[in-house]
Amino acid sequence: MIDKQDVLAAFHFRHACKEFDAGRKIGAEDFRYILETGRLSPSSFGFEPWRFVVIQDMALRERLLPVTWGARKQFPTASHVIAILVRKGEMRHDSAYLQTFMREVKKLPEEAIATRTAVYRKFQESDFRLLDAERALFDWGCRQAYIALANMMTAAALVGIDSCPIEGFEQDQAEAVLAEAGVLDRERFGLAVMVAFGYRRNPAPEKTRQGLEQVVQWVG
C-alpha cells in the first residue's frame, strides 16, 4: 500500500497549474493510467454518466480559447486536455440507455434490474427531485463527474504530473464548438468541466487552506 505521507505529499504538490512546460509531454503509459483512474471512479448507482474526450487537436483547442477564459495559458501549453461530458436524459430512470447499461455492463438479472429501477425512480422523483427541472438531472451528473476529475488530478500528482481543472468557460458556446468538431452530441451530452495535464513551467505558489478545526465538525 502507498504510505500515507506519500499521499499527503501529492496533495501538497498538486495545484491549479496555470501554465505548463510546452516542451514536455506525458508518456502514453502515464496518461492511460490517469484515464484509468477516471474510468474506475465511483458514480451514483454505478451508472457512470461521463465521457472523457481527450483533445490533442491544437486547432480545436485554439477554437475553444475565445470561449474558455479560464484556459488562456493552459490550452496552448498543456500536454493533454480532457473535456468531461455528462449524459443528459439518458440518466433518467426510464431511459432505454440505462436498461441496456444494467444488462450489458452491470450484467444484472431481470429481477435485480426491476428492483434497482424502482429505487432509482424514487431517488430521482422524490428523494432528490431531479426531474423537477431539466437542468437538475444534468447538474447531478456533473457532481459525479467532479469525482472522476478529482481522482484523475490526484492520481497525476502521485506520479509528479501537474493539472488544472477548468470550468472558466461559456458553456453554451464551448458546447457549440465541440459539437461543430463532431465530439459532442448536444441532444445526449453536456460539457461538465475540462482539465489540463502536463508539467509545470513555474514553481507552485504556497498552498493555503483553512485549518481542520475550521472545516471539520464532530458530532458525538
C-alpha atoms as a PDB file:
ATOM      1  CA  MET A   1       0.000   0.000   0.000  1.00  0.00           C
ATOM      2  CA  ILE A   2       1.064   3.615  -0.558  1.00  0.00           C
ATOM      3  CA  ASP A   3       2.438   5.351   2.515  1.00  0.00           C
ATOM      4  CA  LYS A   4       0.066   7.993   3.924  1.00  0.00           C
ATOM      5  CA  GLN A   5       2.791  10.605   3.824  1.00  0.00           C
ATOM      6  CA  ASP A   6       3.281   9.973   0.115  1.00  0.00           C
ATOM      7  CA  VAL A   7      -0.406  10.658  -0.468  1.00  0.00           C
ATOM      8  CA  LEU A   8      -0.299  13.855   1.576  1.00  0.00           C
ATOM      9  CA  ALA A   9       2.841  14.917  -0.273  1.00  0.00           C
ATOM     10  CA  ALA A  10       0.941  14.521  -3.556  1.00  0.00           C
ATOM     11  CA  PHE A  11      -1.849  16.747  -2.245  1.00  0.00           C
ATOM     12  CA  HIS A  12       0.710  19.381  -1.285  1.00  0.00           C
ATOM     13  CA  PHE A  13       2.364  19.020  -4.703  1.00  0.00           C
ATOM     14  CA  ARG A  14      -0.903  19.424  -6.638  1.00  0.00           C
ATOM     15  CA  HIS A  15      -2.014  22.942  -7.519  1.00  0.00           C
ATOM     16  CA  ALA A  16      -4.032  24.536 -10.305  1.00  0.00           C
ATOM     17  CA  CYS A  17      -1.157  24.874 -12.760  1.00  0.00           C
ATOM     18  CA  LYS A  18      -1.761  27.992 -14.848  1.00  0.00           C
ATOM     19  CA  GLU A  19       0.984  27.413 -17.416  1.00  0.00           C
ATOM     20  CA  PHE A  20       2.753  24.223 -18.428  1.00  0.00           C
ATOM     21  CA  ASP A  21       6.142  23.495 -19.952  1.00  0.00           C
ATOM     22  CA  ALA A  22       5.063  23.094 -23.574  1.00  0.00           C
ATOM     23  CA  GLY A  23       8.218  21.133 -24.362  1.00  0.00           C
ATOM     24  CA  ARG A  24       7.398  18.273 -22.001  1.00  0.00           C
ATOM     25  CA  LYS A  25       4.838  15.632 -22.877  1.00  0.00           C
ATOM     26  CA  ILE A  26       3.216  12.995 -20.695  1.00  0.00           C
ATOM     27  CA  GLY A  27       4.081   9.465 -21.766  1.00  0.00           C
ATOM     28  CA  ALA A  28       1.330   7.254 -23.192  1.00  0.00           C
ATOM     29  CA  GLU A  29       1.515   4.784 -20.301  1.00  0.00           C
ATOM     30  CA  ASP A  30       1.278   7.547 -17.679  1.00  0.00           C
ATOM     31  CA  PHE A  31      -1.688   9.182 -19.372  1.00  0.00           C
ATOM     32  CA  ARG A  32      -3.512   5.882 -19.765  1.00  0.00           C
ATOM     33  CA  TYR A  33      -3.025   5.397 -16.023  1.00  0.00           C
ATOM     34  CA  ILE A  34      -4.662   8.794 -15.392  1.00  0.00           C
ATOM     35  CA  LEU A  35      -7.597   7.904 -17.641  1.00  0.00           C
ATOM     36  CA  GLU A  36      -7.972   4.556 -15.924  1.00  0.00           C
ATOM     37  CA  THR A  37      -8.390   6.238 -12.527  1.00  0.00           C
ATOM     38  CA  GLY A  38     -11.195   8.299 -14.041  1.00  0.00           C
ATOM     39  CA  ARG A  39     -12.829   5.205 -15.514  1.00  0.00           C
ATOM     40  CA  LEU A  40     -12.661   3.386 -12.168  1.00  0.00           C
ATOM     41  CA  SER A  41     -14.130   6.300 -10.206  1.00  0.00           C
ATOM     42  CA  PRO A  42     -17.372   5.829  -8.266  1.00  0.00           C
ATOM     43  CA  SER A  43     -20.683   7.190  -9.515  1.00  0.00           C
ATOM     44  CA  SER A  44     -24.199   7.274  -8.106  1.00  0.00           C
ATOM     45  CA  PHE A  45     -25.820   3.851  -8.554  1.00  0.00           C
ATOM     46  CA  GLY A  46     -22.693   2.940 -10.547  1.00  0.00           C
ATOM     47  CA  PHE A  47     -24.238   4.380 -13.722  1.00  0.00           C
ATOM     48  CA  GLU A  48     -21.112   6.231 -14.990  1.00  0.00           C
ATOM     49  CA  PRO A  49     -22.714   9.338 -16.532  1.00  0.00           C
ATOM     50  CA  TRP A  50     -19.447  10.578 -18.012  1.00  0.00           C
ATOM     51  CA  ARG A  51     -17.456  10.515 -21.203  1.00  0.00           C
ATOM     52  CA  PHE A  52     -13.808  11.656 -21.343  1.00  0.00           C
ATOM     53  CA  VAL A  53     -12.876  13.445 -24.576  1.00  0.00           C
ATOM     54  CA  VAL A  54      -9.104  13.870 -24.923  1.00  0.00           C
ATOM     55  CA  ILE A  55      -8.412  16.989 -27.002  1.00  0.00           C
ATOM     56  CA  GLN A  56      -4.970  16.761 -28.594  1.00  0.00           C
ATOM     57  CA  ASP A  57      -6.011  18.677 -31.701  1.00  0.00           C
ATOM     58  CA  MET A  58      -4.334  22.060 -31.159  1.00  0.00           C
ATOM     59  CA  ALA A  59      -6.614  23.673 -33.736  1.00  0.00           C
ATOM     60  CA  LEU A  60      -9.644  22.633 -31.671  1.00  0.00           C
ATOM     61  CA  ARG A  61      -8.042  23.986 -28.503  1.00  0.00           C
ATOM     62  CA  GLU A  62      -7.477  27.241 -30.398  1.00  0.00           C
ATOM     63  CA  ARG A  63     -11.151  27.397 -31.389  1.00  0.00           C
ATOM     64  CA  LEU A  64     -12.141  26.840 -27.768  1.00  0.00           C
ATOM     65  CA  LEU A  65      -9.923  29.631 -26.408  1.00  0.00           C
ATOM     66  CA  PRO A  66     -12.269  32.581 -27.162  1.00  0.00           C
ATOM     67  CA  VAL A  67     -15.000  30.941 -25.055  1.00  0.00           C
ATOM     68  CA  THR A  68     -12.729  29.385 -22.429  1.00  0.00           C
ATOM     69  CA  TRP A  69     -11.411  32.314 -20.442  1.00  0.00           C
ATOM     70  CA  GLY A  70     -10.043  30.032 -17.733  1.00  0.00           C
ATOM     71  CA  ALA A  71      -7.540  28.316 -20.021  1.00  0.00           C
ATOM     72  CA  ARG A  72      -5.696  31.137 -21.777  1.00  0.00           C
ATOM     73  CA  LYS A  73      -2.264  29.713 -20.908  1.00  0.00           C
ATOM     74  CA  GLN A  74      -3.220  26.130 -20.163  1.00  0.00           C
ATOM     75  CA  PHE A  75      -4.630  25.087 -23.547  1.00  0.00           C
ATOM     76  CA  PRO A  76      -1.622  26.220 -25.620  1.00  0.00           C
ATOM     77  CA  THR A  77       0.928  24.614 -23.255  1.00  0.00           C
ATOM     78  CA  ALA A  78      -0.726  21.509 -21.751  1.00  0.00           C
ATOM     79  CA  SER A  79       0.450  18.077 -22.776  1.00  0.00           C
ATOM     80  CA  HIS A  80      -3.111  16.726 -22.623  1.00  0.00           C
ATOM     81  CA  VAL A  81      -6.579  18.238 -22.227  1.00  0.00           C
ATOM     82  CA  ILE A  82      -9.755  16.364 -21.302  1.00  0.00           C
ATOM     83  CA  ALA A  83     -13.308  17.628 -21.728  1.00  0.00           C
ATOM     84  CA  ILE A  84     -15.565  15.686 -19.357  1.00  0.00           C
ATOM     85  CA  LEU A  85     -19.028  15.279 -20.846  1.00  0.00           C
ATOM     86  CA  VAL A  86     -22.111  14.169 -18.929  1.00  0.00           C
ATOM     87  CA  ARG A  87     -25.182  12.393 -20.236  1.00  0.00           C
ATOM     88  CA  LYS A  88     -28.493  14.238 -20.061  1.00  0.00           C
ATOM     89  CA  GLY A  89     -31.865  12.476 -20.476  1.00  0.00           C
ATOM     90  CA  GLU A  90     -30.182   9.089 -20.731  1.00  0.00           C
ATOM     91  CA  MET A  91     -29.680   9.208 -16.958  1.00  0.00           C
ATOM     92  CA  ARG A  92     -33.452   9.109 -16.345  1.00  0.00           C
ATOM     93  CA  HIS A  93     -34.721   6.013 -14.561  1.00  0.00           C
ATOM     94  CA  ASP A  94     -36.879   5.075 -17.548  1.00  0.00           C
ATOM     95  CA  SER A  95     -34.322   5.513 -20.329  1.00  0.00           C
ATOM     96  CA  ALA A  96     -33.536   2.693 -22.732  1.00  0.00           C
ATOM     97  CA  TYR A  97     -29.847   3.523 -22.277  1.00  0.00           C
ATOM     98  CA  LEU A  98     -29.881   2.682 -18.561  1.00  0.00           C
ATOM     99  CA  GLN A  99     -31.835  -0.516 -19.072  1.00  0.00           C
ATOM    100  CA  THR A 100     -29.223  -1.637 -21.587  1.00  0.00           C
ATOM    101  CA  PHE A 101     -26.423  -0.481 -19.268  1.00  0.00           C
ATOM    102  CA  MET A 102     -27.733  -2.601 -16.393  1.00  0.00           C
ATOM    103  CA  ARG A 103     -27.985  -5.654 -18.641  1.00  0.00           C
ATOM    104  CA  GLU A 104     -24.778  -5.359 -20.650  1.00  0.00           C
ATOM    105  CA  VAL A 105     -22.363  -3.538 -18.300  1.00  0.00           C
ATOM    106  CA  LYS A 106     -23.666  -4.402 -14.836  1.00  0.00           C
ATOM    107  CA  LYS A 107     -24.855  -7.826 -16.053  1.00  0.00           C
ATOM    108  CA  LEU A 108     -27.765  -7.764 -13.617  1.00  0.00           C
ATOM    109  CA  PRO A 109     -30.573 -10.317 -13.741  1.00  0.00           C
ATOM    110  CA  GLU A 110     -34.016  -9.017 -14.707  1.00  0.00           C
ATOM    111  CA  GLU A 111     -35.330  -9.126 -11.130  1.00  0.00           C
ATOM    112  CA  ALA A 112     -32.415  -7.037  -9.902  1.00  0.00           C
ATOM    113  CA  ILE A 113     -32.918  -4.571 -12.760  1.00  0.00           C
ATOM    114  CA  ALA A 114     -36.562  -4.114 -11.799  1.00  0.00           C
ATOM    115  CA  THR A 115     -35.651  -3.556  -8.136  1.00  0.00           C
ATOM    116  CA  ARG A 116     -32.858  -1.106  -8.910  1.00  0.00           C
ATOM    117  CA  THR A 117     -35.030   0.794 -11.385  1.00  0.00           C
ATOM    118  CA  ALA A 118     -37.757   1.229  -8.744  1.00  0.00           C
ATOM    119  CA  VAL A 119     -35.257   2.533  -6.170  1.00  0.00           C
ATOM    120  CA  TYR A 120     -33.632   4.792  -8.749  1.00  0.00           C
ATOM    121  CA  ARG A 121     -37.007   6.187  -9.800  1.00  0.00           C
ATOM    122  CA  LYS A 122     -37.861   7.111  -6.190  1.00  0.00           C
ATOM    123  CA  PHE A 123     -34.418   8.664  -5.789  1.00  0.00           C
ATOM    124  CA  GLN A 124     -34.918  10.848  -8.864  1.00  0.00           C
ATOM    125  CA  GLU A 125     -38.577  11.716  -8.398  1.00  0.00           C
ATOM    126  CA  SER A 126     -38.798  12.394  -4.662  1.00  0.00           C
ATOM    127  CA  ASP A 127     -35.548  11.917  -2.730  1.00  0.00           C
ATOM    128  CA  PHE A 128     -33.520  14.436  -4.762  1.00  0.00           C
ATOM    129  CA  ARG A 129     -36.285  15.779  -7.067  1.00  0.00           C
ATOM    130  CA  LEU A 130     -34.016  15.516 -10.069  1.00  0.00           C
ATOM    131  CA  LEU A 131     -36.867  15.511 -12.553  1.00  0.00           C
ATOM    132  CA  ASP A 132     -38.437  18.812 -11.427  1.00  0.00           C
ATOM    133  CA  ALA A 133     -36.265  20.784 -13.883  1.00  0.00           C
ATOM    134  CA  GLU A 134     -34.343  19.730 -16.978  1.00  0.00           C
ATOM    135  CA  ARG A 135     -31.122  21.213 -15.628  1.00  0.00           C
ATOM    136  CA  ALA A 136     -31.299  19.343 -12.318  1.00  0.00           C
ATOM    137  CA  LEU A 137     -30.553  15.924 -13.821  1.00  0.00           C
ATOM    138  CA  PHE A 138     -27.576  17.248 -15.770  1.00  0.00           C
ATOM    139  CA  ASP A 139     -26.168  19.074 -12.731  1.00  0.00           C
ATOM    140  CA  TRP A 140     -26.465  15.872 -10.699  1.00  0.00           C
ATOM    141  CA  GLY A 141     -24.392  14.112 -13.348  1.00  0.00           C
ATOM    142  CA  CYS A 142     -21.841  16.921 -13.226  1.00  0.00           C
ATOM    143  CA  ARG A 143     -21.391  16.423  -9.489  1.00  0.00           C
ATOM    144  CA  GLN A 144     -20.375  12.855 -10.201  1.00  0.00           C
ATOM    145  CA  ALA A 145     -18.044  13.951 -12.988  1.00  0.00           C
ATOM    146  CA  TYR A 146     -16.157  16.005 -10.417  1.00  0.00           C
ATOM    147  CA  ILE A 147     -15.403  12.797  -8.511  1.00  0.00           C
ATOM    148  CA  ALA A 148     -13.640  11.407 -11.582  1.00  0.00           C
ATOM    149  CA  LEU A 149     -11.972  14.798 -12.112  1.00  0.00           C
ATOM    150  CA  ALA A 150     -10.538  14.840  -8.583  1.00  0.00           C
ATOM    151  CA  ASN A 151      -9.356  11.243  -8.817  1.00  0.00           C
ATOM    152  CA  MET A 152      -7.512  11.890 -12.073  1.00  0.00           C
ATOM    153  CA  MET A 153      -5.813  15.002 -10.687  1.00  0.00           C
ATOM    154  CA  THR A 154      -4.757  13.197  -7.524  1.00  0.00           C
ATOM    155  CA  ALA A 155      -3.528  10.193  -9.499  1.00  0.00           C
ATOM    156  CA  ALA A 156      -1.484  12.549 -11.684  1.00  0.00           C
ATOM    157  CA  ALA A 157       0.014  14.295  -8.652  1.00  0.00           C
ATOM    158  CA  LEU A 158       1.070  10.958  -7.168  1.00  0.00           C
ATOM    159  CA  VAL A 159       3.384  10.423 -10.155  1.00  0.00           C
ATOM    160  CA  GLY A 160       4.590  14.021 -10.411  1.00  0.00           C
ATOM    161  CA  ILE A 161       2.236  15.219 -13.163  1.00  0.00           C
ATOM    162  CA  ASP A 162       0.573  18.618 -12.874  1.00  0.00           C
ATOM    163  CA  SER A 163      -3.011  19.502 -13.668  1.00  0.00           C
ATOM    164  CA  CYS A 164      -5.525  22.330 -13.735  1.00  0.00           C
ATOM    165  CA  PRO A 165      -9.305  21.938 -13.521  1.00  0.00           C
ATOM    166  CA  ILE A 166     -11.088  24.323 -15.889  1.00  0.00           C
ATOM    167  CA  GLU A 167     -14.670  25.499 -15.515  1.00  0.00           C
ATOM    168  CA  GLY A 168     -13.909  29.018 -16.707  1.00  0.00           C
ATOM    169  CA  PHE A 169     -15.813  28.711 -19.965  1.00  0.00           C
ATOM    170  CA  GLU A 170     -19.009  29.911 -21.603  1.00  0.00           C
ATOM    171  CA  GLN A 171     -20.916  26.661 -21.516  1.00  0.00           C
ATOM    172  CA  ASP A 172     -23.275  27.101 -24.476  1.00  0.00           C
ATOM    173  CA  GLN A 173     -20.538  28.451 -26.725  1.00  0.00           C
ATOM    174  CA  ALA A 174     -17.977  25.825 -25.686  1.00  0.00           C
ATOM    175  CA  GLU A 175     -20.509  23.076 -26.331  1.00  0.00           C
ATOM    176  CA  ALA A 176     -21.223  24.582 -29.743  1.00  0.00           C
ATOM    177  CA  VAL A 177     -17.515  24.444 -30.644  1.00  0.00           C
ATOM    178  CA  LEU A 178     -17.266  20.811 -29.524  1.00  0.00           C
ATOM    179  CA  ALA A 179     -20.457  19.929 -31.391  1.00  0.00           C
ATOM    180  CA  GLU A 180     -19.139  21.535 -34.583  1.00  0.00           C
ATOM    181  CA  ALA A 181     -15.973  19.465 -34.189  1.00  0.00           C
ATOM    182  CA  GLY A 182     -18.097  16.329 -34.013  1.00  0.00           C
ATOM    183  CA  VAL A 183     -17.162  15.310 -30.465  1.00  0.00           C
ATOM    184  CA  LEU A 184     -20.333  16.388 -28.625  1.00  0.00           C
ATOM    185  CA  ASP A 185     -23.916  15.340 -29.380  1.00  0.00           C
ATOM    186  CA  ARG A 186     -25.810  18.140 -27.633  1.00  0.00           C
ATOM    187  CA  GLU A 187     -29.023  16.121 -27.507  1.00  0.00           C
ATOM    188  CA  ARG A 188     -27.326  13.471 -25.381  1.00  0.00           C
ATOM    189  CA  PHE A 189     -24.410  15.186 -23.630  1.00  0.00           C
ATOM    190  CA  GLY A 190     -23.406  18.435 -21.982  1.00  0.00           C
ATOM    191  CA  LEU A 191     -19.986  19.796 -21.029  1.00  0.00           C
ATOM    192  CA  ALA A 192     -19.395  19.455 -17.272  1.00  0.00           C
ATOM    193  CA  VAL A 193     -15.771  20.543 -16.834  1.00  0.00           C
ATOM    194  CA  MET A 194     -12.377  20.401 -18.522  1.00  0.00           C
ATOM    195  CA  VAL A 195      -8.941  19.598 -17.145  1.00  0.00           C
ATOM    196  CA  ALA A 196      -5.417  20.128 -18.446  1.00  0.00           C
ATOM    197  CA  PHE A 197      -2.407  17.943 -17.637  1.00  0.00           C
ATOM    198  CA  GLY A 198       1.309  18.474 -18.103  1.00  0.00           C
ATOM    199  CA  TYR A 199       4.393  19.631 -16.254  1.00  0.00           C
ATOM    200  CA  ARG A 200       4.621  22.995 -14.532  1.00  0.00           C
ATOM    201  CA  ARG A 201       6.658  25.771 -16.042  1.00  0.00           C
ATOM    202  CA  ASN A 202       6.920  27.808 -12.839  1.00  0.00           C
ATOM    203  CA  PRO A 203       7.149  26.903  -9.148  1.00  0.00           C
ATOM    204  CA  ALA A 204       3.845  26.356  -7.384  1.00  0.00           C
ATOM    205  CA  PRO A 205       2.603  29.127  -5.073  1.00  0.00           C
ATOM    206  CA  GLU A 206       2.382  28.455  -1.361  1.00  0.00           C
ATOM    207  CA  LYS A 207      -0.614  26.246  -0.584  1.00  0.00           C
ATOM    208  CA  THR A 208      -3.087  27.920   1.759  1.00  0.00           C
ATOM    209  CA  ARG A 209      -6.064  26.204   3.359  1.00  0.00           C
ATOM    210  CA  GLN A 210      -8.247  26.642   6.419  1.00  0.00           C
ATOM    211  CA  GLY A 211      -7.259  24.536   9.413  1.00  0.00           C
ATOM    212  CA  LEU A 212      -9.029  21.277  10.263  1.00  0.00           C
ATOM    213  CA  GLU A 213     -10.756  22.926  13.200  1.00  0.00           C
ATOM    214  CA  GLN A 214     -12.378  25.389  10.787  1.00  0.00           C
ATOM    215  CA  VAL A 215     -13.746  22.854   8.314  1.00  0.00           C
ATOM    216  CA  VAL A 216     -14.495  19.774  10.447  1.00  0.00           C
ATOM    217  CA  GLN A 217     -17.388  19.382  12.870  1.00  0.00           C
ATOM    218  CA  TRP A 218     -17.619  16.302  15.080  1.00  0.00           C
ATOM    219  CA  VAL A 219     -20.946  15.015  16.350  1.00  0.00           C
ATOM    220  CA  GLY A 220     -20.755  12.529  19.185  1.00  0.00           C
END
